[in-house]
Amino acid sequence: MATFVLVPGGWQGSWSFEAVVPLLERAGHAVHALTLTGLRPDDDSMTVATVVLDTHADDVLRLLDRARINSATLVGHSYGGMVIAAAADRADGRISQLVHLDAYVPRDGESCWSSTTERYREAFAAGAATTGYAVRPPAGGDPRRRPHPLASFLQTIRLAGTLAPVPRREFIYCSGWEDRTPFSELRTRLRADPGEP
């Protein structure tokens, strides 16, 4: 069976996978759902202010080390796509599959900020207006959502080219919100270039 590492999107934590974890476990898989640094309820403002994308990639790598995982399927939702790409690039061959679940699929030098739509950039800026370092969750949605570290949305990813050996890379596009999704252009790009996931 497989070992899944589930990485949530912006403002979310491990709780966003609470419905899927038991299903995967009942199917015999090992599952690790993460809450990234800066999004845990006990993280203080200094922690949130210093978190970047590299911090979140390190969260994944620490889990791989701690749990002695040598063949993982990394699943990243939304912003989590940035995290799994950065982690896989540094994981020394311990990743068997990447699943970008309605998520960013970055190229070297891109960031969540540069990869998203103007609508989301405006939401990030407005959400960070109070503190300058933490983006408040958009209105509505899961009340457990936490302010997200702004710097993690802004940091560009540095990929050394070690994603190529990952045996399987997939992109799942969730339809039904075409008027708001930041992934429609990405979907077009990936369809045009079968060499990407």
Protein backbone atom coordinates (compact mmCIF):
# COMPACT_ATOMS: atom_id res chain seq x y z
CA MET A 1 0.00 0.00 0.00
CA ALA A 2 0.98 3.65 -0.39
CA THR A 3 2.08 6.30 2.08
CA PHE A 4 0.25 9.59 1.58
CA VAL A 5 1.41 12.96 2.87
CA LEU A 6 -1.46 15.45 2.60
CA VAL A 7 -0.55 19.15 2.44
CA PRO A 8 -3.41 21.65 2.81
CA GLY A 9 -3.99 24.86 0.94
CA GLY A 10 -3.85 28.39 2.28
CA TRP A 11 -5.40 29.10 5.67
CA GLN A 12 -6.02 25.38 6.23
CA GLY A 13 -4.58 22.64 8.39
CA SER A 14 -4.78 18.88 8.71
CA TRP A 15 -8.47 19.20 9.58
CA SER A 16 -9.25 19.92 5.92
CA PHE A 17 -8.52 16.24 5.18
CA GLU A 18 -10.57 14.79 8.05
CA ALA A 19 -13.08 13.14 5.68
CA VAL A 20 -10.50 11.54 3.38
CA VAL A 21 -7.95 10.27 5.94
CA PRO A 22 -10.21 7.46 7.29
CA LEU A 23 -11.07 6.38 3.74
CA LEU A 24 -7.42 6.03 2.80
CA GLU A 25 -6.59 4.27 6.06
CA ARG A 26 -9.46 1.80 5.61
CA ALA A 27 -8.01 1.02 2.18
CA GLY A 28 -4.76 0.06 3.92
CA HIS A 29 -2.69 3.16 3.22
CA ALA A 30 -0.53 5.07 5.69
CA VAL A 31 -1.64 8.70 5.88
CA HIS A 32 -0.01 11.82 7.32
CA ALA A 33 -2.07 15.02 7.14
CA LEU A 34 -0.05 18.13 7.96
CA THR A 35 -0.74 21.46 9.56
CA LEU A 36 2.07 23.67 8.33
CA THR A 37 4.15 25.99 10.51
CA GLY A 38 2.44 29.29 11.13
CA LEU A 39 -1.03 27.76 10.82
CA ARG A 40 -1.11 25.81 14.06
CA PRO A 41 -3.35 27.25 16.77
CA ASP A 42 -0.40 27.67 19.18
CA ASP A 43 1.93 29.45 16.70
CA ASP A 44 2.72 32.94 17.92
CA SER A 45 2.90 36.08 15.77
CA MET A 46 6.71 35.91 15.53
CA THR A 47 6.47 32.41 14.08
CA VAL A 48 3.82 33.46 11.56
CA ALA A 49 5.85 36.53 10.56
CA THR A 50 8.97 34.49 9.74
CA VAL A 51 7.42 31.61 7.77
CA VAL A 52 8.29 31.32 4.07
CA LEU A 53 7.67 28.64 1.45
CA ASP A 54 10.97 26.96 2.41
CA THR A 55 9.67 26.59 5.99
CA HIS A 56 6.68 24.64 4.69
CA ALA A 57 8.83 22.45 2.42
CA ASP A 58 10.98 21.71 5.47
CA ASP A 59 7.83 20.68 7.39
CA VAL A 60 7.29 17.95 4.78
CA LEU A 61 10.94 16.88 4.79
CA ARG A 62 10.98 16.67 8.61
CA LEU A 63 7.93 14.40 8.48
CA LEU A 64 9.63 12.14 5.92
CA ASP A 65 12.69 11.92 8.19
CA ARG A 66 10.77 11.46 11.44
CA ALA A 67 8.47 8.76 10.01
CA ARG A 68 11.31 7.18 7.97
CA ILE A 69 9.32 7.42 4.75
CA ASN A 70 11.22 6.39 1.63
CA SER A 71 8.39 6.31 -0.92
CA ALA A 72 5.69 8.92 -0.47
CA THR A 73 2.79 10.22 -2.47
CA LEU A 74 2.65 13.94 -1.77
CA VAL A 75 -0.79 15.46 -2.25
CA GLY A 76 -0.97 19.25 -2.23
CA HIS A 77 -4.18 21.23 -2.39
CA SER A 78 -4.10 24.79 -3.81
CA TYR A 79 -1.10 26.55 -2.17
CA GLY A 80 0.01 23.07 -1.06
CA GLY A 81 1.07 22.44 -4.67
CA MET A 82 3.90 24.92 -4.16
CA VAL A 83 4.93 23.11 -0.97
CA ILE A 84 4.97 19.60 -2.44
CA ALA A 85 7.00 20.74 -5.46
CA ALA A 86 9.60 22.41 -3.23
CA ALA A 87 9.74 19.41 -0.88
CA ALA A 88 9.99 16.84 -3.69
CA ASP A 89 12.84 18.77 -5.26
CA ARG A 90 14.84 18.32 -2.03
CA ALA A 91 13.65 14.87 -0.97
CA ASP A 92 16.51 12.83 -2.48
CA GLY A 93 14.31 10.42 -4.39
CA ARG A 94 11.89 9.63 -1.56
CA ILE A 95 8.83 10.76 -3.55
CA SER A 96 7.02 8.24 -5.75
CA GLN A 97 4.16 10.49 -6.83
CA LEU A 98 3.05 14.13 -6.74
CA VAL A 99 -0.65 14.95 -6.86
CA HIS A 100 -1.53 18.61 -7.38
CA LEU A 101 -5.14 18.63 -6.23
CA ASP A 102 -6.59 21.79 -7.75
CA ALA A 103 -3.22 23.27 -6.91
CA TYR A 104 -0.39 25.38 -8.23
CA VAL A 105 2.19 23.51 -10.32
CA PRO A 106 5.16 25.87 -10.15
CA ARG A 107 8.10 26.27 -12.46
CA ASP A 108 11.45 27.46 -11.14
CA GLY A 109 11.30 31.11 -10.08
CA GLU A 110 7.52 31.28 -9.66
CA SER A 111 5.63 32.02 -6.46
CA CYS A 112 2.07 31.58 -5.36
CA TRP A 113 1.74 35.35 -5.82
CA SER A 114 3.06 35.32 -9.41
CA SER A 115 1.11 32.18 -10.32
CA THR A 116 -2.30 33.27 -9.14
CA THR A 117 -4.90 35.66 -10.52
CA GLU A 118 -5.24 39.36 -9.85
CA ARG A 119 -8.36 38.59 -7.81
CA TYR A 120 -6.32 36.44 -5.40
CA ARG A 121 -3.43 38.91 -5.25
CA GLU A 122 -5.93 41.58 -4.21
CA ALA A 123 -7.36 39.22 -1.56
CA PHE A 124 -3.86 38.46 -0.24
CA ALA A 125 -3.00 42.17 0.00
CA ALA A 126 -6.31 43.09 1.64
CA GLY A 127 -6.05 40.15 4.04
CA ALA A 128 -2.57 41.23 5.16
CA ALA A 129 -3.45 44.91 5.63
CA THR A 130 -3.91 44.58 9.39
CA THR A 131 -0.58 42.97 10.31
CA GLY A 132 1.50 43.19 7.15
CA TYR A 133 2.65 39.58 7.61
CA ALA A 134 -0.45 37.37 8.03
CA VAL A 135 -3.26 37.09 5.49
CA ARG A 136 -6.69 36.81 7.10
CA PRO A 137 -8.86 34.04 5.61
CA PRO A 138 -11.45 35.19 3.08
CA ALA A 139 -14.96 35.63 4.47
CA GLY A 140 -17.09 32.50 4.85
CA GLY A 141 -15.78 28.96 4.74
CA ASP A 142 -14.42 26.74 7.47
CA PRO A 143 -14.25 28.64 10.78
CA ARG A 144 -11.08 26.73 11.73
CA ARG A 145 -9.06 28.52 9.05
CA ARG A 146 -6.11 30.53 10.33
CA PRO A 147 -4.27 33.63 9.12
CA HIS A 148 -1.72 32.49 6.53
CA PRO A 149 1.91 33.70 6.50
CA LEU A 150 2.12 36.27 3.68
CA ALA A 151 5.82 35.62 2.99
CA SER A 152 5.04 32.00 2.04
CA PHE A 153 2.76 33.28 -0.73
CA LEU A 154 5.49 35.68 -1.93
CA GLN A 155 8.67 33.55 -1.84
CA THR A 156 9.74 32.25 -5.24
CA ILE A 157 10.42 28.57 -5.54
CA ARG A 158 13.89 27.36 -6.48
CA LEU A 159 13.81 24.02 -8.26
CA ALA A 160 17.13 22.32 -8.94
CA GLY A 161 15.61 19.99 -11.52
CA THR A 162 15.25 16.92 -9.32
CA LEU A 163 11.47 16.73 -9.87
CA ALA A 164 12.01 14.99 -13.21
CA PRO A 165 12.80 11.58 -11.62
CA VAL A 166 9.49 11.55 -9.68
CA PRO A 167 7.76 8.60 -11.40
CA ARG A 168 4.25 10.07 -11.43
CA ARG A 169 3.06 13.66 -11.41
CA GLU A 170 -0.61 14.49 -11.67
CA PHE A 171 -2.83 17.55 -11.76
CA ILE A 172 -6.47 17.31 -10.75
CA TYR A 173 -8.64 20.21 -11.88
CA CYS A 174 -11.80 20.73 -9.85
CA SER A 175 -14.59 22.18 -11.93
CA GLY A 176 -17.69 23.94 -10.71
CA TRP A 177 -16.07 27.24 -9.74
CA GLU A 178 -14.80 28.42 -13.12
CA ASP A 179 -15.79 32.01 -12.33
CA ARG A 180 -13.31 32.10 -9.40
CA THR A 181 -10.66 29.42 -9.87
CA PRO A 182 -7.05 30.58 -10.15
CA PHE A 183 -6.18 27.36 -12.01
CA SER A 184 -7.87 27.71 -15.41
CA GLU A 185 -4.77 29.13 -17.13
CA LEU A 186 -2.63 26.47 -15.45
CA ARG A 187 -4.96 23.78 -16.78
CA THR A 188 -4.55 25.19 -20.30
CA ARG A 189 -0.75 25.27 -19.89
CA LEU A 190 -0.61 21.68 -18.66
CA ARG A 191 -2.85 20.44 -21.46
CA ALA A 192 -0.58 22.12 -24.02
CA ASP A 193 2.58 20.62 -22.51
CA PRO A 194 2.24 16.91 -21.75
CA GLY A 195 5.81 16.97 -20.38
CA GLU A 196 4.49 18.66 -17.27
CA PRO A 197 2.57 16.50 -14.76
